[in-house]
N, C-alpha and C. Protein backbone atom coordinates (compact mmCIF):
# COMPACT_ATOMS: atom_id res chain seq x y z
N MET A 1 84.79 130.15 116.08
CA MET A 1 84.63 129.10 115.11
C MET A 1 83.19 128.97 114.66
N ILE A 2 82.26 129.21 115.57
CA ILE A 2 80.85 129.15 115.18
C ILE A 2 80.55 130.22 114.14
N ALA A 3 81.06 131.43 114.36
CA ALA A 3 80.83 132.51 113.40
C ALA A 3 81.46 132.20 112.05
N MET A 4 82.65 131.64 112.06
CA MET A 4 83.30 131.26 110.80
C MET A 4 82.48 130.20 110.08
N GLY A 5 82.02 129.20 110.84
CA GLY A 5 81.21 128.15 110.24
C GLY A 5 79.93 128.70 109.64
N TYR A 6 79.28 129.60 110.38
CA TYR A 6 78.05 130.19 109.87
C TYR A 6 78.33 131.00 108.61
N GLY A 7 79.43 131.75 108.62
CA GLY A 7 79.79 132.54 107.44
C GLY A 7 80.06 131.68 106.24
N PHE A 8 80.80 130.59 106.42
CA PHE A 8 81.09 129.69 105.31
C PHE A 8 79.82 129.04 104.79
N ILE A 9 79.00 128.53 105.69
CA ILE A 9 77.77 127.86 105.28
C ILE A 9 76.80 128.84 104.61
N SER A 10 76.74 130.05 105.13
CA SER A 10 75.86 131.05 104.53
C SER A 10 76.27 131.34 103.09
N GLY A 11 77.56 131.49 102.87
CA GLY A 11 78.05 131.75 101.51
C GLY A 11 77.86 130.57 100.58
N VAL A 12 78.15 129.38 101.07
CA VAL A 12 77.97 128.18 100.25
C VAL A 12 76.50 127.95 99.94
N THR A 13 75.65 128.24 100.90
CA THR A 13 74.21 128.06 100.68
C THR A 13 73.70 129.01 99.61
N ALA A 14 74.16 130.25 99.65
CA ALA A 14 73.75 131.20 98.60
C ALA A 14 74.22 130.71 97.23
N ALA A 15 75.42 130.18 97.16
CA ALA A 15 75.93 129.65 95.90
C ALA A 15 75.10 128.45 95.45
N ALA A 16 74.72 127.59 96.39
CA ALA A 16 73.92 126.41 96.04
C ALA A 16 72.54 126.82 95.54
N ILE A 17 71.95 127.83 96.17
CA ILE A 17 70.65 128.31 95.70
C ILE A 17 70.78 128.82 94.27
N ALA A 18 71.83 129.58 94.00
CA ALA A 18 72.04 130.10 92.65
C ALA A 18 72.27 128.97 91.64
N ARG A 19 72.87 127.89 92.10
CA ARG A 19 73.16 126.77 91.20
C ARG A 19 71.94 125.89 90.93
N TYR A 20 71.14 125.63 91.94
CA TYR A 20 70.06 124.65 91.82
C TYR A 20 68.69 125.24 91.50
N TRP A 21 68.50 126.54 91.70
CA TRP A 21 67.22 127.16 91.39
C TRP A 21 67.42 128.23 90.32
N HIS A 22 66.37 128.46 89.58
CA HIS A 22 66.42 129.49 88.54
C HIS A 22 66.62 130.86 89.19
N LYS A 23 67.26 131.77 88.47
CA LYS A 23 67.57 133.07 89.05
C LYS A 23 66.33 133.84 89.51
N ASN A 24 65.19 133.58 88.90
CA ASN A 24 63.96 134.25 89.32
C ASN A 24 63.45 133.75 90.66
N ALA A 25 63.90 132.56 91.09
CA ALA A 25 63.45 131.99 92.36
C ALA A 25 64.46 132.23 93.49
N PHE A 26 65.59 132.86 93.18
CA PHE A 26 66.64 133.02 94.18
C PHE A 26 66.13 133.74 95.43
N GLY A 27 65.46 134.86 95.26
CA GLY A 27 64.98 135.64 96.40
C GLY A 27 63.99 134.88 97.26
N ARG A 28 63.08 134.18 96.63
CA ARG A 28 62.07 133.40 97.36
C ARG A 28 62.73 132.29 98.16
N VAL A 29 63.60 131.52 97.53
CA VAL A 29 64.24 130.39 98.20
C VAL A 29 65.18 130.89 99.30
N ALA A 30 66.00 131.88 98.99
CA ALA A 30 66.92 132.42 99.99
C ALA A 30 66.16 133.04 101.16
N GLY A 31 65.09 133.73 100.88
CA GLY A 31 64.28 134.34 101.94
C GLY A 31 63.71 133.30 102.89
N ARG A 32 63.18 132.23 102.33
CA ARG A 32 62.63 131.16 103.18
C ARG A 32 63.72 130.51 104.02
N LEU A 33 64.87 130.31 103.41
CA LEU A 33 65.97 129.69 104.14
C LEU A 33 66.45 130.58 105.28
N TYR A 34 66.62 131.86 105.03
CA TYR A 34 67.09 132.77 106.07
C TYR A 34 66.04 132.96 107.18
N ILE A 35 64.77 132.91 106.83
CA ILE A 35 63.73 132.95 107.87
C ILE A 35 63.81 131.69 108.73
N ALA A 36 64.02 130.54 108.11
CA ALA A 36 64.16 129.29 108.88
C ALA A 36 65.38 129.37 109.80
N TRP A 37 66.48 129.94 109.33
CA TRP A 37 67.66 130.10 110.17
C TRP A 37 67.38 131.03 111.35
N CYS A 38 66.62 132.07 111.11
CA CYS A 38 66.27 132.99 112.21
C CYS A 38 65.40 132.28 113.25
N VAL A 39 64.45 131.50 112.80
CA VAL A 39 63.61 130.74 113.73
C VAL A 39 64.48 129.79 114.55
N ALA A 40 65.42 129.12 113.88
CA ALA A 40 66.32 128.21 114.59
C ALA A 40 67.19 128.97 115.58
N ALA A 41 67.65 130.17 115.22
CA ALA A 41 68.50 130.95 116.11
C ALA A 41 67.77 131.36 117.38
N VAL A 42 66.45 131.47 117.31
CA VAL A 42 65.66 131.82 118.49
C VAL A 42 65.29 130.58 119.30
N THR A 43 64.87 129.53 118.61
CA THR A 43 64.33 128.37 119.32
C THR A 43 65.38 127.39 119.83
N LEU A 44 66.48 127.20 119.10
CA LEU A 44 67.45 126.19 119.51
C LEU A 44 68.16 126.52 120.81
N PRO A 45 68.52 127.77 121.09
CA PRO A 45 69.10 128.05 122.41
C PRO A 45 68.11 127.77 123.55
N ILE A 46 66.84 128.01 123.30
CA ILE A 46 65.83 127.70 124.31
C ILE A 46 65.77 126.19 124.54
N LEU A 47 65.80 125.42 123.46
CA LEU A 47 65.81 123.97 123.57
C LEU A 47 67.06 123.49 124.31
N ALA A 48 68.21 124.07 123.99
CA ALA A 48 69.45 123.68 124.67
C ALA A 48 69.37 124.00 126.16
N GLY A 49 68.80 125.14 126.51
CA GLY A 49 68.62 125.48 127.92
C GLY A 49 67.68 124.53 128.62
N TRP A 50 66.61 124.14 127.96
CA TRP A 50 65.66 123.19 128.54
C TRP A 50 66.35 121.84 128.77
N LEU A 51 67.14 121.40 127.77
CA LEU A 51 67.87 120.14 127.93
C LEU A 51 68.88 120.24 129.07
N TYR A 52 69.52 121.39 129.21
CA TYR A 52 70.46 121.58 130.31
C TYR A 52 69.75 121.47 131.65
N ASP A 53 68.58 122.10 131.75
CA ASP A 53 67.81 122.02 132.99
C ASP A 53 67.42 120.58 133.32
N ARG A 54 67.12 119.80 132.30
CA ARG A 54 66.72 118.41 132.50
C ARG A 54 67.89 117.50 132.85
N THR A 55 69.05 117.71 132.21
CA THR A 55 70.16 116.77 132.34
C THR A 55 71.32 117.29 133.19
N GLY A 56 71.43 118.60 133.35
CA GLY A 56 72.53 119.16 134.13
C GLY A 56 73.79 119.42 133.33
N ASN A 57 73.78 119.13 132.03
CA ASN A 57 74.93 119.46 131.18
C ASN A 57 74.44 119.66 129.74
N TYR A 58 75.36 120.14 128.90
CA TYR A 58 75.00 120.41 127.52
C TYR A 58 75.32 119.24 126.60
N GLY A 59 75.74 118.11 127.14
CA GLY A 59 76.12 116.97 126.32
C GLY A 59 75.02 116.50 125.39
N THR A 60 73.81 116.42 125.90
CA THR A 60 72.68 115.97 125.08
C THR A 60 72.42 116.94 123.93
N ALA A 61 72.46 118.24 124.22
CA ALA A 61 72.23 119.24 123.17
C ALA A 61 73.32 119.16 122.10
N VAL A 62 74.56 118.96 122.52
CA VAL A 62 75.67 118.86 121.56
C VAL A 62 75.52 117.60 120.71
N LEU A 63 75.13 116.50 121.32
CA LEU A 63 74.93 115.26 120.56
C LEU A 63 73.80 115.41 119.54
N ILE A 64 72.71 116.03 119.94
CA ILE A 64 71.59 116.25 119.01
C ILE A 64 72.03 117.15 117.86
N ALA A 65 72.73 118.24 118.19
CA ALA A 65 73.21 119.16 117.15
C ALA A 65 74.17 118.44 116.20
N GLY A 66 75.06 117.64 116.75
CA GLY A 66 75.99 116.90 115.91
C GLY A 66 75.28 115.91 114.99
N ALA A 67 74.29 115.23 115.53
CA ALA A 67 73.53 114.27 114.72
C ALA A 67 72.78 114.98 113.59
N LEU A 68 72.18 116.11 113.89
CA LEU A 68 71.45 116.85 112.85
C LEU A 68 72.41 117.41 111.80
N ASN A 69 73.59 117.86 112.22
CA ASN A 69 74.59 118.33 111.25
C ASN A 69 75.07 117.18 110.38
N GLY A 70 75.27 116.01 110.97
CA GLY A 70 75.66 114.84 110.18
C GLY A 70 74.59 114.46 109.18
N LEU A 71 73.33 114.52 109.60
CA LEU A 71 72.22 114.24 108.68
C LEU A 71 72.21 115.24 107.53
N ALA A 72 72.41 116.51 107.84
CA ALA A 72 72.44 117.54 106.79
C ALA A 72 73.58 117.29 105.80
N CYS A 73 74.74 116.88 106.31
CA CYS A 73 75.87 116.55 105.41
C CYS A 73 75.53 115.37 104.52
N ALA A 74 74.90 114.36 105.09
CA ALA A 74 74.52 113.18 104.31
C ALA A 74 73.51 113.55 103.22
N ILE A 75 72.56 114.39 103.55
CA ILE A 75 71.58 114.83 102.55
C ILE A 75 72.26 115.63 101.46
N SER A 76 73.20 116.50 101.83
CA SER A 76 73.86 117.33 100.83
C SER A 76 74.71 116.49 99.87
N LEU A 77 75.21 115.36 100.32
CA LEU A 77 75.98 114.49 99.44
C LEU A 77 75.11 113.85 98.36
N ARG A 78 73.81 113.85 98.58
CA ARG A 78 72.88 113.27 97.61
C ARG A 78 72.41 114.27 96.56
N LEU A 79 72.87 115.50 96.66
CA LEU A 79 72.48 116.49 95.64
C LEU A 79 73.03 116.07 94.28
N PRO A 80 72.30 116.33 93.23
CA PRO A 80 72.80 115.95 91.90
C PRO A 80 74.06 116.73 91.54
N LYS A 81 74.93 116.10 90.76
CA LYS A 81 76.17 116.75 90.34
C LYS A 81 75.89 117.94 89.42
N THR A 82 74.90 117.79 88.58
CA THR A 82 74.53 118.90 87.71
C THR A 82 73.14 119.37 88.09
N PRO A 83 72.95 120.67 88.16
CA PRO A 83 71.63 121.18 88.56
C PRO A 83 70.58 120.89 87.50
N ALA A 84 69.37 120.69 87.95
CA ALA A 84 68.23 120.50 87.05
C ALA A 84 67.69 121.87 86.69
N ARG A 85 67.74 122.22 85.44
CA ARG A 85 67.24 123.53 84.99
C ARG A 85 66.32 123.37 83.83
């Protein structure tokens, strides 16, 4: 399910970049986003492991991840209906 979620979000994100940024900026914006995802893929498991060592379970890490995902959903709902071009 994680892989499916990542695949869906990756595709939707590429579509959003194409919709909200000019085609000449697509590579720059997408590149920055994918670099940020790579940094997160390296650092977040380390953070989850550190939290596990501190608390003895992954509950805290899951709650933090859920809260950040909820925040991201709330921010995405504020995107304009029509792109600014």
